[in-house]
Amino acid sequence: MEKVDKLKLFAALALVAAGIAGYYLLPADQQALRVVSVLAGVLFAVTVVWFSVPGRDFVDYARDSVKEAEKVVWPSKKEVWQMTGAVFVFTVVLSLFMWLVDSGLSWLLYDLLLKRGG
């Protein structure tokens, strides 16, 4: 990363910090102005980052991510309900199996081997 880009990123952080500082320095009864201070700091910071190489790289990455998300084939409502039902059935069957194994091992260990049956 070039020195100029590092300075731009530092300036962006300073702008955000200035917006936050403005929030705390303004009187509490000026709530709208305090919020505008933070929003202005963030907006100016985004503007500065926009003109840096990492900022442009991020925008390119975000655009590519949106394009990839558009390629995703989302399941239909029917498929979602079918898969949800399959998950619930599997969960019930697995929980019954685990209960049977736990009960069987408990009976084997405590009642037969250790003779602690109550």
PDB file of N, CA and C in Angstrom:
ATOM      1  N   MET A   1       0.850  -1.163   0.000  1.00  0.00           N
ATOM      2  CA  MET A   1       0.000   0.000   0.000  1.00  0.00           C
ATOM      3  C   MET A   1       0.904   1.236   0.000  1.00  0.00           C
ATOM      4  N   GLU A   2       0.550   2.176  -0.826  1.00  0.00           N
ATOM      5  CA  GLU A   2       1.351   3.395  -0.936  1.00  0.00           C
ATOM      6  C   GLU A   2       1.165   4.284   0.285  1.00  0.00           C
ATOM      7  N   LYS A   3       2.127   5.169   0.456  1.00  0.00           N
ATOM      8  CA  LYS A   3       2.095   6.080   1.599  1.00  0.00           C
ATOM      9  C   LYS A   3       0.883   7.002   1.532  1.00  0.00           C
ATOM     10  N   VAL A   4       0.512   7.406   0.320  1.00  0.00           N
ATOM     11  CA  VAL A   4      -0.631   8.306   0.151  1.00  0.00           C
ATOM     12  C   VAL A   4      -1.915   7.604   0.606  1.00  0.00           C
ATOM     13  N   ASP A   5      -2.035   6.314   0.259  1.00  0.00           N
ATOM     14  CA  ASP A   5      -3.226   5.576   0.660  1.00  0.00           C
ATOM     15  C   ASP A   5      -3.274   5.400   2.174  1.00  0.00           C
ATOM     16  N   LYS A   6      -2.129   5.181   2.782  1.00  0.00           N
ATOM     17  CA  LYS A   6      -2.094   5.074   4.241  1.00  0.00           C
ATOM     18  C   LYS A   6      -2.532   6.381   4.887  1.00  0.00           C
ATOM     19  N   LEU A   7      -2.093   7.495   4.310  1.00  0.00           N
ATOM     20  CA  LEU A   7      -2.507   8.798   4.834  1.00  0.00           C
ATOM     21  C   LEU A   7      -4.018   9.007   4.669  1.00  0.00           C
ATOM     22  N   LYS A   8      -4.552   8.557   3.540  1.00  0.00           N
ATOM     23  CA  LYS A   8      -5.998   8.689   3.312  1.00  0.00           C
ATOM     24  C   LYS A   8      -6.775   7.865   4.337  1.00  0.00           C
ATOM     25  N   LEU A   9      -6.318   6.642   4.603  1.00  0.00           N
ATOM     26  CA  LEU A   9      -6.999   5.804   5.582  1.00  0.00           C
ATOM     27  C   LEU A   9      -6.888   6.403   6.986  1.00  0.00           C
ATOM     28  N   PHE A  10      -5.729   6.952   7.309  1.00  0.00           N
ATOM     29  CA  PHE A  10      -5.560   7.619   8.599  1.00  0.00           C
ATOM     30  C   PHE A  10      -6.486   8.837   8.694  1.00  0.00           C
ATOM     31  N   ALA A  11      -6.582   9.599   7.602  1.00  0.00           N
ATOM     32  CA  ALA A  11      -7.475  10.769   7.584  1.00  0.00           C
ATOM     33  C   ALA A  11      -8.928  10.335   7.762  1.00  0.00           C
ATOM     34  N   ALA A  12      -9.299   9.205   7.161  1.00  0.00           N
ATOM     35  CA  ALA A  12     -10.668   8.706   7.305  1.00  0.00           C
ATOM     36  C   ALA A  12     -10.945   8.339   8.760  1.00  0.00           C
ATOM     37  N   LEU A  13     -10.002   7.677   9.401  1.00  0.00           N
ATOM     38  CA  LEU A  13     -10.170   7.352  10.814  1.00  0.00           C
ATOM     39  C   LEU A  13     -10.267   8.614  11.663  1.00  0.00           C
ATOM     40  N   ALA A  14      -9.458   9.621  11.326  1.00  0.00           N
ATOM     41  CA  ALA A  14      -9.499  10.880  12.062  1.00  0.00           C
ATOM     42  C   ALA A  14     -10.848  11.574  11.876  1.00  0.00           C
ATOM     43  N   LEU A  15     -11.424  11.488  10.680  1.00  0.00           N
ATOM     44  CA  LEU A  15     -12.730  12.097  10.438  1.00  0.00           C
ATOM     45  C   LEU A  15     -13.835  11.404  11.250  1.00  0.00           C
ATOM     46  N   VAL A  16     -13.760  10.079  11.322  1.00  0.00           N
ATOM     47  CA  VAL A  16     -14.739   9.354  12.138  1.00  0.00           C
ATOM     48  C   VAL A  16     -14.572   9.738  13.606  1.00  0.00           C
ATOM     49  N   ALA A  17     -13.329   9.791  14.052  1.00  0.00           N
ATOM     50  CA  ALA A  17     -13.063  10.181  15.439  1.00  0.00           C
ATOM     51  C   ALA A  17     -13.553  11.598  15.712  1.00  0.00           C
ATOM     52  N   ALA A  18     -13.367  12.499  14.744  1.00  0.00           N
ATOM     53  CA  ALA A  18     -13.834  13.872  14.916  1.00  0.00           C
ATOM     54  C   ALA A  18     -15.359  13.925  15.009  1.00  0.00           C
ATOM     55  N   GLY A  19     -16.033  13.110  14.211  1.00  0.00           N
ATOM     56  CA  GLY A  19     -17.493  13.062  14.277  1.00  0.00           C
ATOM     57  C   GLY A  19     -17.979  12.553  15.625  1.00  0.00           C
ATOM     58  N   ILE A  20     -17.302  11.530  16.146  1.00  0.00           N
ATOM     59  CA  ILE A  20     -17.663  10.997  17.453  1.00  0.00           C
ATOM     60  C   ILE A  20     -17.350  12.017  18.550  1.00  0.00           C
ATOM     61  N   ALA A  21     -16.200  12.686  18.429  1.00  0.00           N
ATOM     62  CA  ALA A  21     -15.849  13.711  19.405  1.00  0.00           C
ATOM     63  C   ALA A  21     -16.874  14.848  19.374  1.00  0.00           C
ATOM     64  N   GLY A  22     -17.330  15.213  18.180  1.00  0.00           N
ATOM     65  CA  GLY A  22     -18.351  16.244  18.059  1.00  0.00           C
ATOM     66  C   GLY A  22     -19.633  15.840  18.768  1.00  0.00           C
ATOM     67  N   TYR A  23     -19.966  14.562  18.716  1.00  0.00           N
ATOM     68  CA  TYR A  23     -21.155  14.061  19.403  1.00  0.00           C
ATOM     69  C   TYR A  23     -21.061  14.330  20.903  1.00  0.00           C
ATOM     70  N   TYR A  24     -19.897  14.070  21.468  1.00  0.00           N
ATOM     71  CA  TYR A  24     -19.748  14.239  22.911  1.00  0.00           C
ATOM     72  C   TYR A  24     -19.481  15.691  23.324  1.00  0.00           C
ATOM     73  N   LEU A  25     -18.979  16.501  22.420  1.00  0.00           N
ATOM     74  CA  LEU A  25     -18.698  17.892  22.762  1.00  0.00           C
ATOM     75  C   LEU A  25     -19.922  18.795  22.637  1.00  0.00           C
ATOM     76  N   LEU A  26     -20.880  18.406  21.801  1.00  0.00           N
ATOM     77  CA  LEU A  26     -22.087  19.219  21.649  1.00  0.00           C
ATOM     78  C   LEU A  26     -23.012  19.008  22.839  1.00  0.00           C
ATOM     79  N   PRO A  27     -23.818  20.010  23.162  1.00  0.00           N
ATOM     80  CA  PRO A  27     -24.729  19.887  24.314  1.00  0.00           C
ATOM     81  C   PRO A  27     -25.728  18.744  24.128  1.00  0.00           C
ATOM     82  N   ALA A  28     -26.119  18.146  25.241  1.00  0.00           N
ATOM     83  CA  ALA A  28     -27.024  16.999  25.214  1.00  0.00           C
ATOM     84  C   ALA A  28     -28.402  17.345  24.655  1.00  0.00           C
ATOM     85  N   ASP A  29     -28.826  18.611  24.773  1.00  0.00           N
ATOM     86  CA  ASP A  29     -30.142  18.987  24.262  1.00  0.00           C
ATOM     87  C   ASP A  29     -30.148  19.174  22.749  1.00  0.00           C
ATOM     88  N   GLN A  30     -28.989  19.113  22.116  1.00  0.00           N
ATOM     89  CA  GLN A  30     -28.870  19.233  20.663  1.00  0.00           C
ATOM     90  C   GLN A  30     -28.674  17.846  20.041  1.00  0.00           C
ATOM     91  N   GLN A  31     -29.575  16.920  20.344  1.00  0.00           N
ATOM     92  CA  GLN A  31     -29.417  15.521  19.918  1.00  0.00           C
ATOM     93  C   GLN A  31     -29.324  15.396  18.399  1.00  0.00           C
ATOM     94  N   ALA A  32     -30.146  16.114  17.665  1.00  0.00           N
ATOM     95  CA  ALA A  32     -30.122  16.029  16.204  1.00  0.00           C
ATOM     96  C   ALA A  32     -28.772  16.479  15.664  1.00  0.00           C
ATOM     97  N   LEU A  33     -28.242  17.550  16.198  1.00  0.00           N
ATOM     98  CA  LEU A  33     -26.942  18.055  15.762  1.00  0.00           C
ATOM     99  C   LEU A  33     -25.822  17.081  16.119  1.00  0.00           C
ATOM    100  N   ARG A  34     -25.955  16.415  17.256  1.00  0.00           N
ATOM    101  CA  ARG A  34     -24.955  15.428  17.662  1.00  0.00           C
ATOM    102  C   ARG A  34     -24.933  14.259  16.685  1.00  0.00           C
ATOM    103  N   VAL A  35     -26.101  13.793  16.279  1.00  0.00           N
ATOM    104  CA  VAL A  35     -26.191  12.683  15.328  1.00  0.00           C
ATOM    105  C   VAL A  35     -25.657  13.113  13.971  1.00  0.00           C
ATOM    106  N   VAL A  36     -25.985  14.331  13.561  1.00  0.00           N
ATOM    107  CA  VAL A  36     -25.467  14.852  12.282  1.00  0.00           C
ATOM    108  C   VAL A  36     -23.945  14.911  12.317  1.00  0.00           C
ATOM    109  N   SER A  37     -23.379  15.234  13.453  1.00  0.00           N
ATOM    110  CA  SER A  37     -21.931  15.278  13.590  1.00  0.00           C
ATOM    111  C   SER A  37     -21.303  13.923  13.299  1.00  0.00           C
ATOM    112  N   VAL A  38     -21.861  12.879  13.876  1.00  0.00           N
ATOM    113  CA  VAL A  38     -21.327  11.529  13.640  1.00  0.00           C
ATOM    114  C   VAL A  38     -21.528  11.126  12.185  1.00  0.00           C
ATOM    115  N   LEU A  39     -22.728  11.365  11.655  1.00  0.00           N
ATOM    116  CA  LEU A  39     -23.002  10.998  10.269  1.00  0.00           C
ATOM    117  C   LEU A  39     -22.104  11.750   9.293  1.00  0.00           C
ATOM    118  N   ALA A  40     -21.852  13.015   9.566  1.00  0.00           N
ATOM    119  CA  ALA A  40     -20.964  13.799   8.697  1.00  0.00           C
ATOM    120  C   ALA A  40     -19.548  13.249   8.756  1.00  0.00           C
ATOM    121  N   GLY A  41     -19.081  12.900   9.946  1.00  0.00           N
ATOM    122  CA  GLY A  41     -17.747  12.318  10.065  1.00  0.00           C
ATOM    123  C   GLY A  41     -17.612  11.029   9.288  1.00  0.00           C
ATOM    124  N   VAL A  42     -18.622  10.174   9.388  1.00  0.00           N
ATOM    125  CA  VAL A  42     -18.597   8.902   8.650  1.00  0.00           C
ATOM    126  C   VAL A  42     -18.706   9.160   7.149  1.00  0.00           C
ATOM    127  N   LEU A  43     -19.569  10.077   6.743  1.00  0.00           N
ATOM    128  CA  LEU A  43     -19.728  10.380   5.319  1.00  0.00           C
ATOM    129  C   LEU A  43     -18.443  10.937   4.715  1.00  0.00           C
ATOM    130  N   PHE A  44     -17.805  11.857   5.405  1.00  0.00           N
ATOM    131  CA  PHE A  44     -16.538  12.396   4.910  1.00  0.00           C
ATOM    132  C   PHE A  44     -15.451  11.323   4.880  1.00  0.00           C
ATOM    133  N   ALA A  45     -15.457  10.434   5.866  1.00  0.00           N
ATOM    134  CA  ALA A  45     -14.476   9.350   5.893  1.00  0.00           C
ATOM    135  C   ALA A  45     -14.678   8.402   4.713  1.00  0.00           C
ATOM    136  N   VAL A  46     -15.934   8.077   4.428  1.00  0.00           N
ATOM    137  CA  VAL A  46     -16.215   7.201   3.287  1.00  0.00           C
ATOM    138  C   VAL A  46     -15.784   7.874   1.989  1.00  0.00           C
ATOM    139  N   THR A  47     -16.001   9.168   1.899  1.00  0.00           N
ATOM    140  CA  THR A  47     -15.584   9.902   0.701  1.00  0.00           C
ATOM    141  C   THR A  47     -14.068   9.846   0.529  1.00  0.00           C
ATOM    142  N   VAL A  48     -13.330  10.013   1.599  1.00  0.00           N
ATOM    143  CA  VAL A  48     -11.864   9.958   1.518  1.00  0.00           C
ATOM    144  C   VAL A  48     -11.413   8.551   1.139  1.00  0.00           C
ATOM    145  N   VAL A  49     -12.004   7.536   1.757  1.00  0.00           N
ATOM    146  CA  VAL A  49     -11.617   6.151   1.459  1.00  0.00           C
ATOM    147  C   VAL A  49     -11.970   5.801   0.020  1.00  0.00           C
ATOM    148  N   TRP A  50     -13.051   6.360  -0.482  1.00  0.00           N
ATOM    149  CA  TRP A  50     -13.488   6.086  -1.852  1.00  0.00           C
ATOM    150  C   TRP A  50     -12.381   6.397  -2.863  1.00  0.00           C
ATOM    151  N   PHE A  51     -11.588   7.409  -2.575  1.00  0.00           N
ATOM    152  CA  PHE A  51     -10.545   7.829  -3.509  1.00  0.00           C
ATOM    153  C   PHE A  51      -9.193   7.176  -3.233  1.00  0.00           C
ATOM    154  N   SER A  52      -9.167   6.154  -2.413  1.00  0.00           N
ATOM    155  CA  SER A  52      -7.925   5.424  -2.165  1.00  0.00           C
ATOM    156  C   SER A  52      -7.971   4.086  -2.906  1.00  0.00           C
ATOM    157  N   VAL A  53      -6.819   3.493  -3.128  1.00  0.00           N
ATOM    158  CA  VAL A  53      -6.761   2.200  -3.813  1.00  0.00           C
ATOM    159  C   VAL A  53      -7.479   1.116  -3.012  1.00  0.00           C
ATOM    160  N   PRO A  54      -7.257   1.017  -1.687  1.00  0.00           N
ATOM    161  CA  PRO A  54      -8.012  -0.004  -0.946  1.00  0.00           C
ATOM    162  C   PRO A  54      -9.529   0.231  -1.001  1.00  0.00           C
ATOM    163  N   GLY A  55      -9.939   1.478  -1.048  1.00  0.00           N
ATOM    164  CA  GLY A  55     -11.368   1.776  -1.155  1.00  0.00           C
ATOM    165  C   GLY A  55     -11.940   1.313  -2.478  1.00  0.00           C
ATOM    166  N   ARG A  56     -11.220   1.576  -3.560  1.00  0.00           N
ATOM    167  CA  ARG A  56     -11.678   1.118  -4.878  1.00  0.00           C
ATOM    168  C   ARG A  56     -11.656  -0.401  -4.951  1.00  0.00           C
ATOM    169  N   ASP A  57     -10.633  -1.025  -4.359  1.00  0.00           N
ATOM    170  CA  ASP A  57     -10.579  -2.496  -4.328  1.00  0.00           C
ATOM    171  C   ASP A  57     -11.771  -3.065  -3.576  1.00  0.00           C
ATOM    172  N   PHE A  58     -12.137  -2.422  -2.481  1.00  0.00           N
ATOM    173  CA  PHE A  58     -13.288  -2.887  -1.711  1.00  0.00           C
ATOM    174  C   PHE A  58     -14.571  -2.765  -2.521  1.00  0.00           C
ATOM    175  N   VAL A  59     -14.733  -1.652  -3.235  1.00  0.00           N
ATOM    176  CA  VAL A  59     -15.932  -1.461  -4.053  1.00  0.00           C
ATOM    177  C   VAL A  59     -15.987  -2.526  -5.153  1.00  0.00           C
ATOM    178  N   ASP A  60     -14.844  -2.804  -5.783  1.00  0.00           N
ATOM    179  CA  ASP A  60     -14.803  -3.855  -6.804  1.00  0.00           C
ATOM    180  C   ASP A  60     -15.170  -5.207  -6.203  1.00  0.00           C
ATOM    181  N   TYR A  61     -14.642  -5.491  -5.022  1.00  0.00           N
ATOM    182  CA  TYR A  61     -14.955  -6.743  -4.341  1.00  0.00           C
ATOM    183  C   TYR A  61     -16.442  -6.837  -4.020  1.00  0.00           C
ATOM    184  N   ALA A  62     -17.027  -5.739  -3.560  1.00  0.00           N
ATOM    185  CA  ALA A  62     -18.455  -5.731  -3.226  1.00  0.00           C
ATOM    186  C   ALA A  62     -19.304  -5.958  -4.478  1.00  0.00           C
ATOM    187  N   ARG A  63     -18.916  -5.343  -5.577  1.00  0.00           N
ATOM    188  CA  ARG A  63     -19.658  -5.554  -6.826  1.00  0.00           C
ATOM    189  C   ARG A  63     -19.575  -7.002  -7.267  1.00  0.00           C
ATOM    190  N   ASP A  64     -18.381  -7.585  -7.197  1.00  0.00           N
ATOM    191  CA  ASP A  64     -18.222  -8.996  -7.560  1.00  0.00           C
ATOM    192  C   ASP A  64     -19.035  -9.899  -6.642  1.00  0.00           C
ATOM    193  N   SER A  65     -19.105  -9.547  -5.367  1.00  0.00           N
ATOM    194  CA  SER A  65     -19.886 -10.343  -4.415  1.00  0.00           C
ATOM    195  C   SER A  65     -21.370 -10.303  -4.759  1.00  0.00           C
ATOM    196  N   VAL A  66     -21.856  -9.133  -5.142  1.00  0.00           N
ATOM    197  CA  VAL A  66     -23.273  -9.008  -5.525  1.00  0.00           C
ATOM    198  C   VAL A  66     -23.544  -9.829  -6.773  1.00  0.00           C
ATOM    199  N   LYS A  67     -22.635  -9.790  -7.740  1.00  0.00           N
ATOM    200  CA  LYS A  67     -22.807 -10.591  -8.957  1.00  0.00           C
ATOM    201  C   LYS A  67     -22.855 -12.077  -8.630  1.00  0.00           C
ATOM    202  N   GLU A  68     -21.984 -12.524  -7.736  1.00  0.00           N
ATOM    203  CA  GLU A  68     -21.974 -13.938  -7.347  1.00  0.00           C
ATOM    204  C   GLU A  68     -23.241 -14.308  -6.589  1.00  0.00           C
ATOM    205  N   ALA A  69     -23.725 -13.411  -5.746  1.00  0.00           N
ATOM    206  CA  ALA A  69     -24.955 -13.695  -4.996  1.00  0.00           C
ATOM    207  C   ALA A  69     -26.159 -13.808  -5.931  1.00  0.00           C
ATOM    208  N   GLU A  70     -26.126 -13.081  -7.043  1.00  0.00           N
ATOM    209  CA  GLU A  70     -27.214 -13.165  -8.014  1.00  0.00           C
ATOM    210  C   GLU A  70     -27.213 -14.506  -8.737  1.00  0.00           C
ATOM    211  N   LYS A  71     -26.075 -15.186  -8.776  1.00  0.00           N
ATOM    212  CA  LYS A  71     -25.968 -16.476  -9.455  1.00  0.00           C
ATOM    213  C   LYS A  71     -26.492 -17.624  -8.601  1.00  0.00           C
ATOM    214  N   VAL A  72     -26.713 -17.382  -7.318  1.00  0.00           N
ATOM    215  CA  VAL A  72     -27.149 -18.441  -6.416  1.00  0.00           C
ATOM    216  C   VAL A  72     -28.570 -18.855  -6.776  1.00  0.00           C
ATOM    217  N   VAL A  73     -28.787 -20.161  -6.822  1.00  0.00           N
ATOM    218  CA  VAL A  73     -30.123 -20.687  -7.075  1.00  0.00           C
ATOM    219  C   VAL A  73     -30.745 -20.982  -5.720  1.00  0.00           C
ATOM    220  N   TRP A  74     -31.698 -20.155  -5.333  1.00  0.00           N
ATOM    221  CA  TRP A  74     -32.321 -20.305  -4.035  1.00  0.00           C
ATOM    222  C   TRP A  74     -33.406 -21.359  -4.113  1.00  0.00           C
ATOM    223  N   PRO A  75     -33.596 -22.136  -3.042  1.00  0.00           N
ATOM    224  CA  PRO A  75     -34.626 -23.183  -3.067  1.00  0.00           C
ATOM    225  C   PRO A  75     -36.029 -22.573  -3.041  1.00  0.00           C
ATOM    226  N   SER A  76     -36.974 -23.355  -3.591  1.00  0.00           N
ATOM    227  CA  SER A  76     -38.365 -22.900  -3.562  1.00  0.00           C
ATOM    228  C   SER A  76     -38.931 -23.082  -2.156  1.00  0.00           C
ATOM    229  N   LYS A  77     -40.112 -22.527  -1.943  1.00  0.00           N
ATOM    230  CA  LYS A  77     -40.745 -22.629  -0.636  1.00  0.00           C
ATOM    231  C   LYS A  77     -41.016 -24.095  -0.296  1.00  0.00           C
ATOM    232  N   LYS A  78     -41.437 -24.860  -1.282  1.00  0.00           N
ATOM    233  CA  LYS A  78     -41.710 -26.280  -1.074  1.00  0.00           C
ATOM    234  C   LYS A  78     -40.443 -27.029  -0.659  1.00  0.00           C
ATOM    235  N   GLU A  79     -39.339 -26.736  -1.334  1.00  0.00           N
ATOM    236  CA  GLU A  79     -38.070 -27.395  -0.990  1.00  0.00           C
ATOM    237  C   GLU A  79     -37.613 -27.023   0.416  1.00  0.00           C
ATOM    238  N   VAL A  80     -37.825 -25.782   0.804  1.00  0.00           N
ATOM    239  CA  VAL A  80     -37.439 -25.345   2.147  1.00  0.00           C
ATOM    240  C   VAL A  80     -38.238 -26.111   3.192  1.00  0.00           C
ATOM    241  N   TRP A  81     -39.545 -26.241   2.987  1.00  0.00           N
ATOM    242  CA  TRP A  81     -40.380 -26.970   3.942  1.00  0.00           C
ATOM    243  C   TRP A  81     -40.011 -28.451   3.991  1.00  0.00           C
ATOM    244  N   GLN A  82     -39.685 -29.018   2.826  1.00  0.00           N
ATOM    245  CA  GLN A  82     -39.292 -30.431   2.802  1.00  0.00           C
ATOM    246  C   GLN A  82     -37.991 -30.656   3.563  1.00  0.00           C
ATOM    247  N   MET A  83     -37.021 -29.795   3.348  1.00  0.00           N
ATOM    248  CA  MET A  83     -35.744 -29.948   4.047  1.00  0.00           C
ATOM    249  C   MET A  83     -35.903 -29.687   5.544  1.00  0.00           C
ATOM    250  N   THR A  84     -36.736 -28.725   5.911  1.00  0.00           N
ATOM    251  CA  THR A  84     -36.980 -28.453   7.326  1.00  0.00           C
ATOM    252  C   THR A  84     -37.635 -29.656   7.987  1.00  0.00           C
ATOM    253  N   GLY A  85     -38.601 -30.241   7.307  1.00  0.00           N
ATOM    254  CA  GLY A  85     -39.246 -31.446   7.831  1.00  0.00           C
ATOM    255  C   GLY A  85     -38.253 -32.588   7.983  1.00  0.00           C
ATOM    256  N   ALA A  86     -37.369 -32.754   7.001  1.00  0.00           N
ATOM    257  CA  ALA A  86     -36.370 -33.814   7.088  1.00  0.00           C
ATOM    258  C   ALA A  86     -35.435 -33.589   8.276  1.00  0.00           C
ATOM    259  N   VAL A  87     -35.074 -32.348   8.528  1.00  0.00           N
ATOM    260  CA  VAL A  87     -34.203 -32.039   9.669  1.00  0.00           C
ATOM    261  C   VAL A  87     -34.915 -32.364  10.980  1.00  0.00           C
ATOM    262  N   PHE A  88     -36.175 -31.998  11.094  1.00  0.00           N
ATOM    263  CA  PHE A  88     -36.925 -32.296  12.316  1.00  0.00           C
ATOM    264  C   PHE A  88     -37.071 -33.802  12.526  1.00  0.00           C
ATOM    265  N   VAL A  89     -37.398 -34.546  11.467  1.00  0.00           N
ATOM    266  CA  VAL A  89     -37.530 -35.998  11.587  1.00  0.00           C
ATOM    267  C   VAL A  89     -36.203 -36.613  12.006  1.00  0.00           C
ATOM    268  N   PHE A  90     -35.115 -36.189  11.371  1.00  0.00           N
ATOM    269  CA  PHE A  90     -33.803 -36.718  11.721  1.00  0.00           C
ATOM    270  C   PHE A  90     -33.461 -36.407  13.179  1.00  0.00           C
ATOM    271  N   THR A  91     -33.797 -35.206  13.620  1.00  0.00           N
ATOM    272  CA  THR A  91     -33.512 -34.821  15.003  1.00  0.00           C
ATOM    273  C   THR A  91     -34.288 -35.685  15.986  1.00  0.00           C
ATOM    274  N   VAL A  92     -35.543 -35.946  15.713  1.00  0.00           N
ATOM    275  CA  VAL A  92     -36.354 -36.786  16.593  1.00  0.00           C
ATOM    276  C   VAL A  92     -35.808 -38.214  16.615  1.00  0.00           C
ATOM    277  N   VAL A  93     -35.501 -38.765  15.446  1.00  0.00           N
ATOM    278  CA  VAL A  93     -34.974 -40.133  15.378  1.00  0.00           C
ATOM    279  C   VAL A  93     -33.643 -40.224  16.114  1.00  0.00           C
ATOM    280  N   LEU A  94     -32.767 -39.263  15.898  1.00  0.00           N
ATOM    281  CA  LEU A  94     -31.465 -39.290  16.560  1.00  0.00           C
ATOM    282  C   LEU A  94     -31.604 -39.130  18.075  1.00  0.00           C
ATOM    283  N   SER A  95     -32.522 -38.269  18.511  1.00  0.00           N
ATOM    284  CA  SER A  95     -32.700 -38.104  19.954  1.00  0.00           C
ATOM    285  C   SER A  95     -33.265 -39.373  20.583  1.00  0.00           C
ATOM    286  N   LEU A  96     -34.183 -40.047  19.904  1.00  0.00           N
ATOM    287  CA  LEU A  96     -34.683 -41.330  20.414  1.00  0.00           C
ATOM    288  C   LEU A  96     -33.572 -42.370  20.483  1.00  0.00           C
ATOM    289  N   PHE A  97     -32.750 -42.431  19.461  1.00  0.00           N
ATOM    290  CA  PHE A  97     -31.623 -43.370  19.450  1.00  0.00           C
ATOM    291  C   PHE A  97     -30.672 -43.079  20.606  1.00  0.00           C
ATOM    292  N   MET A  98     -30.336 -41.812  20.794  1.00  0.00           N
ATOM    293  CA  MET A  98     -29.417 -41.456  21.885  1.00  0.00           C
ATOM    294  C   MET A  98     -30.032 -41.775  23.251  1.00  0.00           C
ATOM    295  N   TRP A  99     -31.340 -41.575  23.404  1.00  0.00           N
ATOM    296  CA  TRP A  99     -32.017 -41.910  24.657  1.00  0.00           C
ATOM    297  C   TRP A  99     -31.960 -43.418  24.910  1.00  0.00           C
ATOM    298  N   LEU A 100     -32.199 -44.200  23.844  1.00  0.00           N
ATOM    299  CA  LEU A 100     -32.137 -45.657  23.993  1.00  0.00           C
ATOM    300  C   LEU A 100     -30.732 -46.117  24.360  1.00  0.00           C
ATOM    301  N   VAL A 101     -29.730 -45.592  23.710  1.00  0.00           N
ATOM    302  CA  VAL A 101     -28.347 -45.968  24.021  1.00  0.00           C
ATOM    303  C   VAL A 101     -28.011 -45.566  25.450  1.00  0.00           C
ATOM    304  N   ASP A 102     -28.377 -44.373  25.858  1.00  0.00           N
ATOM    305  CA  ASP A 102     -28.097 -43.911  27.221  1.00  0.00           C
ATOM    306  C   ASP A 102     -28.815 -44.776  28.253  1.00  0.00           C
ATOM    307  N   SER A 103     -30.078 -45.078  28.010  1.00  0.00           N
ATOM    308  CA  SER A 103     -30.834 -45.920  28.938  1.00  0.00           C
ATOM    309  C   SER A 103     -30.256 -47.328  29.000  1.00  0.00           C
ATOM    310  N   GLY A 104     -29.883 -47.858  27.840  1.00  0.00           N
ATOM    311  CA  GLY A 104     -29.303 -49.202  27.795  1.00  0.00           C
ATOM    312  C   GLY A 104     -27.977 -49.275  28.527  1.00  0.00           C
ATOM    313  N   LEU A 105     -27.110 -48.302  28.298  1.00  0.00           N
ATOM    314  CA  LEU A 105     -25.820 -48.298  28.993  1.00  0.00           C
ATOM    315  C   LEU A 105     -25.995 -48.075  30.487  1.00  0.00           C
ATOM    316  N   SER A 106     -26.930 -47.219  30.856  1.00  0.00           N
ATOM    317  CA  SER A 106     -27.197 -46.985  32.268  1.00  0.00           C
ATOM    318  C   SER A 106     -27.689 -48.266  32.937  1.00  0.00           C
ATOM    319  N   TRP A 107     -28.594 -48.963  32.302  1.00  0.00           N
ATOM    320  CA  TRP A 107     -29.111 -50.226  32.841  1.00  0.00           C
ATOM    321  C   TRP A 107     -27.986 -51.253  32.943  1.00  0.00           C
ATOM    322  N   LEU A 108     -27.164 -51.346  31.885  1.00  0.00           N
ATOM    323  CA  LEU A 108     -26.073 -52.319  31.870  1.00  0.00           C
ATOM    324  C   LEU A 108     -25.058 -52.035  32.972  1.00  0.00           C
ATOM    325  N   LEU A 109     -24.649 -50.791  33.098  1.00  0.00           N
ATOM    326  CA  LEU A 109     -23.601 -50.451  34.066  1.00  0.00           C
ATOM    327  C   LEU A 109     -24.113 -50.438  35.498  1.00  0.00           C
ATOM    328  N   TYR A 110     -25.234 -49.753  35.735  1.00  0.00           N
ATOM    329  CA  TYR A 110     -25.682 -49.567  37.111  1.00  0.00           C
ATOM    330  C   TYR A 110     -26.486 -50.751  37.651  1.00  0.00           C
ATOM    331  N   ASP A 111     -27.320 -51.343  36.839  1.00  0.00           N
ATOM    332  CA  ASP A 111     -28.182 -52.411  37.338  1.00  0.00           C
ATOM    333  C   ASP A 111     -27.517 -53.788  37.264  1.00  0.00           C
ATOM    334  N   LEU A 112     -26.838 -54.094  36.179  1.00  0.00           N
ATOM    335  CA  LEU A 112     -26.255 -55.423  36.053  1.00  0.00           C
ATOM    336  C   LEU A 112     -24.848 -55.518  36.629  1.00  0.00           C
ATOM    337  N   LEU A 113     -23.962 -54.604  36.218  1.00  0.00           N
ATOM    338  CA  LEU A 113     -22.564 -54.734  36.648  1.00  0.00           C
ATOM    339  C   LEU A 113     -22.338 -54.244  38.080  1.00  0.00           C
ATOM    340  N   LEU A 114     -22.870 -53.108  38.435  1.00  0.00           N
ATOM    341  CA  LEU A 114     -22.615 -52.543  39.759  1.00  0.00           C
ATOM    342  C   LEU A 114     -23.708 -52.873  40.767  1.00  0.00           C
ATOM    343  N   LYS A 115     -24.800 -53.420  40.317  1.00  0.00           N
ATOM    344  CA  LYS A 115     -25.931 -53.831  41.158  1.00  0.00           C
ATOM    345  C   LYS A 115     -26.391 -52.717  42.112  1.00  0.00           C
ATOM    346  N   ARG A 116     -26.536 -51.506  41.527  1.00  0.00           N
ATOM    347  CA  ARG A 116     -27.018 -50.344  42.304  1.00  0.00           C
ATOM    348  C   ARG A 116     -28.473 -50.042  41.982  1.00  0.00           C
ATOM    349  N   GLY A 117     -29.186 -50.954  41.475  1.00  0.00           N
ATOM    350  CA  GLY A 117     -30.571 -50.715  41.084  1.00  0.00           C
ATOM    351  C   GLY A 117     -31.401 -50.201  42.246  1.00  0.00           C
ATOM    352  N   GLY A 118     -32.249 -49.285  41.958  1.00  0.00           N
ATOM    353  CA  GLY A 118     -32.969 -48.645  43.039  1.00  0.00           C
ATOM    354  C   GLY A 118     -34.339 -48.991  43.084  1.00  0.00           C
TER     355      GLY A 118
END
